[in-house]
Amino acid sequence: MEESGNTSKAENEQFIKVTENGPYLVTGGVPLAEQIIQVDSDNECHGWQEGKKYAEQESYKLCRCGKSVNKPFCTGMHAVTKFKGEETASRKPYAEQAKTYEGPELTLTDAEDLCASARFCHRAGGTWNLTEQSADPEARKTAIEEACDCPSGRLVAHDNQGNAIEPKFTPSIGVGKRPAGRERMDRCGCGVASP
């Protein structure tokens, strides 16, 4: 995922539609690439590396049932398996779901129900402890990195003025990949697919 501060006219026309009991329909030439979780020398998740870039397409369908034979793309298996895409996520705004953790130089908000179990928040004692220790510049920096790497948006770091500290990305879709040996932790969007 490339960082960017600019938004083009084409990016304003990009769109993702969730179909009833079917795939995600992506239009507007949204770039698609694998994003691979990186692991440090302590075997803790630490950052992302771009993997395979898929050929650019004006529109495409992404599998939502977890049964495609050509992931991440839809091959129509949702119809064969009679996939029911019943959404169960809360519709409450993030601010209403999140707990707030105050530190001397950082505030962390945490909407635990959004967790994708990527485990970026476990490095160096955990994002919550690092927030409490944020008077230490290294602890503050690591807490911010961990919150920014969180793929689900569960964790958000805020400065002392209450501004969210988040990277700016060019609109794109990243297909998350676990590091070798951690594939068993993968989950598809519906929660029933096997790794």
Protein backbone atom coordinates (compact mmCIF):
# COMPACT_ATOMS: atom_id res chain seq x y z
CA MET A 1 0.00 0.00 0.00
CA GLU A 2 1.59 3.20 -1.10
CA GLU A 3 1.43 6.26 1.11
CA SER A 4 0.07 9.36 -0.56
CA GLY A 5 -1.36 12.75 0.26
CA ASN A 6 -3.00 13.28 -3.12
CA THR A 7 -6.42 12.18 -4.34
CA SER A 8 -7.08 12.06 -8.08
CA LYS A 9 -10.42 12.31 -9.85
CA ALA A 10 -10.21 8.58 -10.68
CA GLU A 11 -9.79 7.69 -6.99
CA ASN A 12 -13.05 9.50 -6.24
CA GLU A 13 -14.83 7.13 -8.66
CA GLN A 14 -13.52 3.91 -7.11
CA PHE A 15 -16.20 1.79 -5.51
CA ILE A 16 -16.66 -1.53 -3.68
CA LYS A 17 -20.13 -3.08 -3.55
CA VAL A 18 -21.03 -6.00 -1.30
CA THR A 19 -23.45 -8.21 -3.23
CA GLU A 20 -26.16 -10.25 -1.54
CA ASN A 21 -24.72 -13.73 -0.84
CA GLY A 22 -22.01 -13.12 -3.43
CA PRO A 23 -18.66 -11.43 -4.05
CA TYR A 24 -17.35 -7.92 -3.56
CA LEU A 25 -17.68 -6.00 -6.84
CA VAL A 26 -14.74 -3.61 -7.23
CA THR A 27 -14.87 -0.86 -9.87
CA GLY A 28 -12.74 2.13 -10.79
CA GLY A 29 -9.38 0.44 -11.31
CA VAL A 30 -8.59 -0.09 -7.62
CA PRO A 31 -5.05 -1.56 -7.35
CA LEU A 32 -4.85 -5.03 -5.76
CA ALA A 33 -1.77 -6.61 -4.16
CA GLU A 34 -0.80 -9.09 -1.48
CA GLN A 35 0.32 -7.53 1.79
CA ILE A 36 2.55 -9.90 3.76
CA ILE A 37 2.94 -9.56 7.52
CA GLN A 38 6.62 -9.28 8.45
CA VAL A 39 8.08 -10.91 11.55
CA ASP A 40 11.02 -9.57 13.58
CA SER A 41 13.86 -11.51 15.27
CA ASP A 42 11.60 -12.13 18.31
CA ASN A 43 8.96 -13.72 16.02
CA GLU A 44 6.60 -10.78 16.60
CA CYS A 45 4.58 -9.21 13.78
CA HIS A 46 6.32 -6.02 12.69
CA GLY A 47 5.20 -4.25 9.53
CA TRP A 48 3.95 -5.15 6.08
CA GLN A 49 5.71 -5.97 2.81
CA GLU A 50 4.00 -5.81 -0.53
CA GLY A 51 3.90 -9.19 -2.28
CA LYS A 52 2.36 -10.14 -5.59
CA LYS A 53 0.76 -7.29 -7.51
CA TYR A 54 -2.27 -8.35 -9.51
CA ALA A 55 -2.78 -7.06 -13.05
CA GLU A 56 -4.68 -3.78 -13.08
CA GLN A 57 -8.33 -4.14 -14.05
CA GLU A 58 -11.09 -1.57 -14.32
CA SER A 59 -13.40 -3.94 -12.41
CA TYR A 60 -13.17 -7.33 -10.73
CA LYS A 61 -14.96 -9.58 -8.24
CA LEU A 62 -13.35 -10.66 -4.95
CA CYS A 63 -14.32 -13.88 -3.19
CA ARG A 64 -16.36 -13.42 -0.04
CA CYS A 65 -17.41 -17.03 0.60
CA GLY A 66 -13.87 -18.37 1.08
CA LYS A 67 -14.33 -21.25 -1.38
CA SER A 68 -12.94 -19.78 -4.63
CA VAL A 69 -10.44 -21.92 -6.56
CA ASN A 70 -8.69 -18.72 -7.74
CA LYS A 71 -8.44 -16.58 -4.58
CA PRO A 72 -8.69 -13.69 -4.10
CA PHE A 73 -11.00 -13.62 -7.14
CA CYS A 74 -14.55 -14.97 -7.23
CA THR A 75 -15.10 -18.15 -9.25
CA GLY A 76 -18.82 -18.48 -8.50
CA MET A 77 -18.43 -20.99 -5.68
CA HIS A 78 -20.77 -18.89 -3.52
CA ALA A 79 -23.66 -20.13 -5.69
CA VAL A 80 -22.50 -23.78 -5.52
CA THR A 81 -22.08 -23.69 -1.73
CA LYS A 82 -25.22 -21.58 -1.19
CA PHE A 83 -23.18 -18.99 0.74
CA LYS A 84 -25.24 -16.77 3.04
CA GLY A 85 -23.46 -13.44 3.45
CA GLU A 86 -25.37 -12.36 6.53
CA GLU A 87 -23.51 -9.47 8.11
CA THR A 88 -23.11 -9.62 11.87
CA ALA A 89 -20.78 -6.69 12.52
CA SER A 90 -21.97 -3.88 14.73
CA ARG A 91 -23.17 -0.76 12.98
CA LYS A 92 -22.24 1.40 15.97
CA PRO A 93 -19.71 4.12 15.13
CA TYR A 94 -16.11 3.39 16.11
CA ALA A 95 -16.11 6.04 18.87
CA GLU A 96 -19.06 4.34 20.56
CA GLN A 97 -17.34 0.91 20.48
CA ALA A 98 -13.85 1.96 21.55
CA LYS A 99 -12.33 2.08 25.02
CA THR A 100 -9.83 4.86 25.67
CA TYR A 101 -6.38 4.34 27.21
CA GLU A 102 -4.55 7.48 28.31
CA GLY A 103 -0.78 7.83 28.34
CA PRO A 104 1.43 10.84 29.05
CA GLU A 105 2.18 11.55 25.35
CA LEU A 106 -0.37 9.38 23.56
CA THR A 107 -3.97 8.23 23.78
CA LEU A 108 -5.05 4.87 22.38
CA THR A 109 -8.58 3.91 21.39
CA ASP A 110 -9.44 0.22 21.12
CA ALA A 111 -12.59 -1.28 19.59
CA GLU A 112 -11.85 -4.89 20.55
CA ASP A 113 -14.72 -6.41 18.54
CA LEU A 114 -12.96 -5.30 15.33
CA CYS A 115 -9.88 -7.44 16.03
CA ALA A 116 -8.54 -9.43 13.05
CA SER A 117 -5.96 -11.31 15.20
CA ALA A 118 -2.99 -10.05 13.16
CA ARG A 119 -1.02 -9.65 16.44
CA PHE A 120 0.84 -6.43 15.64
CA CYS A 121 -0.22 -5.17 19.08
CA HIS A 122 1.87 -7.76 20.98
CA ARG A 123 5.36 -6.51 20.11
CA ALA A 124 7.54 -4.85 22.79
CA GLY A 125 5.12 -5.45 25.65
CA GLY A 126 1.91 -4.54 23.83
CA THR A 127 0.36 -1.36 22.48
CA TRP A 128 -1.56 -0.66 25.70
CA ASN A 129 1.58 -0.81 27.92
CA LEU A 130 3.54 1.24 25.39
CA THR A 131 0.81 3.91 25.50
CA GLU A 132 1.15 4.06 29.29
CA GLN A 133 4.92 4.48 28.80
CA SER A 134 4.60 7.03 25.99
CA ALA A 135 6.73 9.63 27.81
CA ASP A 136 9.59 7.45 26.51
CA PRO A 137 10.01 8.43 22.80
CA GLU A 138 10.82 4.84 21.75
CA ALA A 139 7.72 3.45 23.50
CA ARG A 140 5.57 6.18 21.88
CA LYS A 141 7.04 5.45 18.42
CA THR A 142 6.44 1.69 18.75
CA ALA A 143 2.86 2.17 20.02
CA ILE A 144 2.12 4.35 16.99
CA GLU A 145 3.69 1.78 14.60
CA GLU A 146 1.62 -1.01 16.14
CA ALA A 147 -1.64 0.95 15.92
CA CYS A 148 -0.91 2.00 12.32
CA ASP A 149 -0.13 -1.60 11.29
CA CYS A 150 -3.43 -2.89 12.73
CA PRO A 151 -5.29 -4.09 9.60
CA SER A 152 -8.79 -3.99 11.10
CA GLY A 153 -8.76 -0.47 12.50
CA ARG A 154 -9.27 -1.80 16.02
CA LEU A 155 -6.45 0.35 17.43
CA VAL A 156 -6.01 4.07 16.78
CA ALA A 157 -3.28 6.22 18.34
CA HIS A 158 -4.04 9.90 19.02
CA ASP A 159 -1.73 12.81 19.84
CA ASN A 160 -2.30 15.03 22.89
CA GLN A 161 -4.60 17.28 20.84
CA GLY A 162 -6.87 14.31 20.09
CA ASN A 163 -5.84 13.97 16.42
CA ALA A 164 -5.68 10.43 15.06
CA ILE A 165 -2.17 9.43 13.97
CA GLU A 166 -2.67 7.42 10.80
CA PRO A 167 -0.68 6.97 7.59
CA LYS A 168 -2.07 8.32 4.33
CA PHE A 169 -2.46 5.64 1.68
CA THR A 170 -3.32 5.69 -2.00
CA PRO A 171 -6.66 3.87 -2.31
CA SER A 172 -5.96 0.18 -2.91
CA ILE A 173 -6.92 -3.28 -1.68
CA GLY A 174 -4.41 -5.41 0.16
CA VAL A 175 -4.92 -9.14 0.42
CA GLY A 176 -3.42 -9.99 3.82
CA LYS A 177 -0.98 -12.89 4.03
CA ARG A 178 0.43 -14.39 7.22
CA PRO A 179 4.14 -15.20 7.47
CA ALA A 180 5.26 -18.80 6.87
CA GLY A 181 4.29 -21.00 9.79
CA ARG A 182 1.36 -18.81 10.84
CA GLU A 183 -1.10 -19.70 8.09
CA ARG A 184 -3.34 -21.55 10.57
CA MET A 185 -4.35 -18.17 11.98
CA ASP A 186 -5.86 -17.03 8.65
CA ARG A 187 -9.55 -16.27 8.55
CA CYS A 188 -11.70 -15.46 5.58
CA GLY A 189 -14.40 -12.80 5.72
CA CYS A 190 -17.16 -15.31 6.47
CA GLY A 191 -15.21 -17.16 9.17
CA VAL A 192 -15.96 -20.68 7.88
CA ALA A 193 -13.23 -21.28 5.28
CA SER A 194 -10.29 -23.47 6.16
CA PRO A 195 -6.71 -22.22 5.56
